[in-house]
Amino acid sequence: MTETLHYEQLVEDFKKKLMTQLRGHGAEVEYLETWVPEEDPVKSILNIVESAQAYGREAICVNFAKATMNGDQQGQLLELLSSIGNARIVDRGKSCDIEVSIGKAA
């Protein structure tokens, strides 16, 4: 697949850099330079995938804590991602991975 991004860490890093840097407080991952976390994790993770798509990535994997999104939200995210590519959620115990093959038919 691809490297795994850790959603909660991305959000935490964004908030820290927002408070300590005047400019360039984007993520370490180049295609997330303009990404801004949303209060709604579904929209926020969707925006991450859309950023990867716009950058020309073929696949992306985002890990998130189960406490971040309930089952209904996970279903909503999968539905939204179906227009971008083939997506699936993999249970990792206390967390889940959302794996998306961008541009691939579901």
Protein backbone atom coordinates (compact mmCIF):
# COMPACT_ATOMS: atom_id res chain seq x y z
CA MET A 1 0.00 0.00 0.00
CA THR A 2 1.69 3.20 1.15
CA GLU A 3 2.97 4.79 4.31
CA THR A 4 0.39 5.14 7.06
CA LEU A 5 -0.56 8.60 8.28
CA HIS A 6 -1.69 8.84 11.91
CA TYR A 7 -4.71 11.11 12.03
CA GLU A 8 -4.61 12.19 15.68
CA GLN A 9 -0.88 12.93 15.41
CA LEU A 10 -1.48 15.03 12.28
CA VAL A 11 -4.12 17.06 14.12
CA GLU A 12 -1.91 17.49 17.19
CA ASP A 13 1.09 18.52 15.09
CA PHE A 14 -1.05 21.02 13.17
CA LYS A 15 -2.30 22.62 16.38
CA LYS A 16 1.21 22.83 17.88
CA LYS A 17 2.67 24.40 14.75
CA LEU A 18 -0.24 26.80 14.47
CA MET A 19 0.64 28.15 17.92
CA THR A 20 4.43 28.22 17.51
CA GLN A 21 5.07 29.11 13.85
CA LEU A 22 4.01 32.23 12.01
CA ARG A 23 4.10 30.53 8.61
CA GLY A 24 4.47 27.09 7.16
CA HIS A 25 2.48 25.33 9.87
CA GLY A 26 1.37 22.58 7.47
CA ALA A 27 2.12 18.91 7.84
CA GLU A 28 5.42 17.19 7.17
CA VAL A 29 3.74 15.37 4.26
CA GLU A 30 4.01 17.63 1.21
CA TYR A 31 0.49 17.06 -0.12
CA LEU A 32 -0.97 18.09 3.26
CA GLU A 33 0.64 21.54 3.31
CA THR A 34 -2.72 23.23 2.79
CA TRP A 35 -4.78 20.73 4.82
CA VAL A 36 -6.58 22.14 7.84
CA PRO A 37 -8.24 19.71 10.28
CA GLU A 38 -12.01 19.91 10.61
CA GLU A 39 -13.99 19.40 13.82
CA ASP A 40 -15.80 16.54 12.04
CA PRO A 41 -13.29 13.68 11.60
CA VAL A 42 -15.23 12.37 8.58
CA LYS A 43 -14.73 15.64 6.70
CA SER A 44 -11.19 15.97 7.97
CA ILE A 45 -10.08 12.52 6.77
CA LEU A 46 -11.99 13.01 3.50
CA ASN A 47 -10.00 16.22 2.99
CA ILE A 48 -6.74 14.31 3.59
CA VAL A 49 -7.67 11.79 0.89
CA GLU A 50 -8.76 14.55 -1.50
CA SER A 51 -5.41 16.29 -0.94
CA ALA A 52 -3.58 13.07 -1.78
CA GLN A 53 -5.75 12.65 -4.88
CA ALA A 54 -5.04 16.21 -6.05
CA TYR A 55 -1.32 15.59 -5.54
CA GLY A 56 -1.49 12.52 -7.79
CA ARG A 57 -1.14 9.83 -5.14
CA GLU A 58 -2.42 6.40 -6.13
CA ALA A 59 -3.10 5.21 -2.60
CA ILE A 60 -3.29 6.46 0.96
CA CYS A 61 -3.68 4.90 4.39
CA VAL A 62 -4.85 6.88 7.42
CA ASN A 63 -4.87 5.35 10.89
CA PHE A 64 -7.35 6.72 13.44
CA ALA A 65 -8.33 5.78 16.99
CA LYS A 66 -11.66 4.00 17.33
CA ALA A 67 -12.67 6.73 19.78
CA THR A 68 -12.33 9.28 16.94
CA MET A 69 -15.12 7.84 14.76
CA ASN A 70 -18.02 5.54 15.58
CA GLY A 71 -19.38 2.91 13.20
CA ASP A 72 -21.93 5.26 11.62
CA GLN A 73 -19.23 7.84 10.91
CA GLN A 74 -16.98 5.15 9.44
CA GLY A 75 -19.81 4.08 7.13
CA GLN A 76 -20.39 7.68 6.11
CA LEU A 77 -16.68 8.10 5.33
CA LEU A 78 -16.62 4.94 3.21
CA GLU A 79 -19.65 6.18 1.28
CA LEU A 80 -18.02 9.57 0.62
CA LEU A 81 -14.75 7.93 -0.44
CA SER A 82 -16.49 5.65 -2.95
CA SER A 83 -16.45 8.52 -5.48
CA ILE A 84 -12.66 8.82 -5.09
CA GLY A 85 -11.66 5.17 -5.21
CA ASN A 86 -11.84 1.80 -3.54
CA ALA A 87 -11.80 2.23 0.24
CA ARG A 88 -11.89 -0.16 3.14
CA ILE A 89 -11.52 0.04 6.90
CA VAL A 90 -9.21 -2.43 8.62
CA ASP A 91 -9.67 -3.02 12.36
CA ARG A 92 -6.34 -2.78 14.22
CA GLY A 93 -7.66 -3.29 17.77
CA LYS A 94 -7.75 0.13 19.42
CA SER A 95 -7.47 1.85 16.06
CA CYS A 96 -8.49 1.40 12.44
CA ASP A 97 -6.83 2.02 9.10
CA ILE A 98 -8.74 3.54 6.22
CA GLU A 99 -7.03 2.31 3.06
CA VAL A 100 -7.93 4.02 -0.20
CA SER A 101 -6.83 3.04 -3.70
CA ILE A 102 -7.41 6.34 -5.46
CA GLY A 103 -9.10 6.18 -8.84
CA LYS A 104 -9.77 2.44 -8.59
CA ALA A 105 -13.31 1.22 -9.12
CA ALA A 106 -15.00 0.01 -5.96
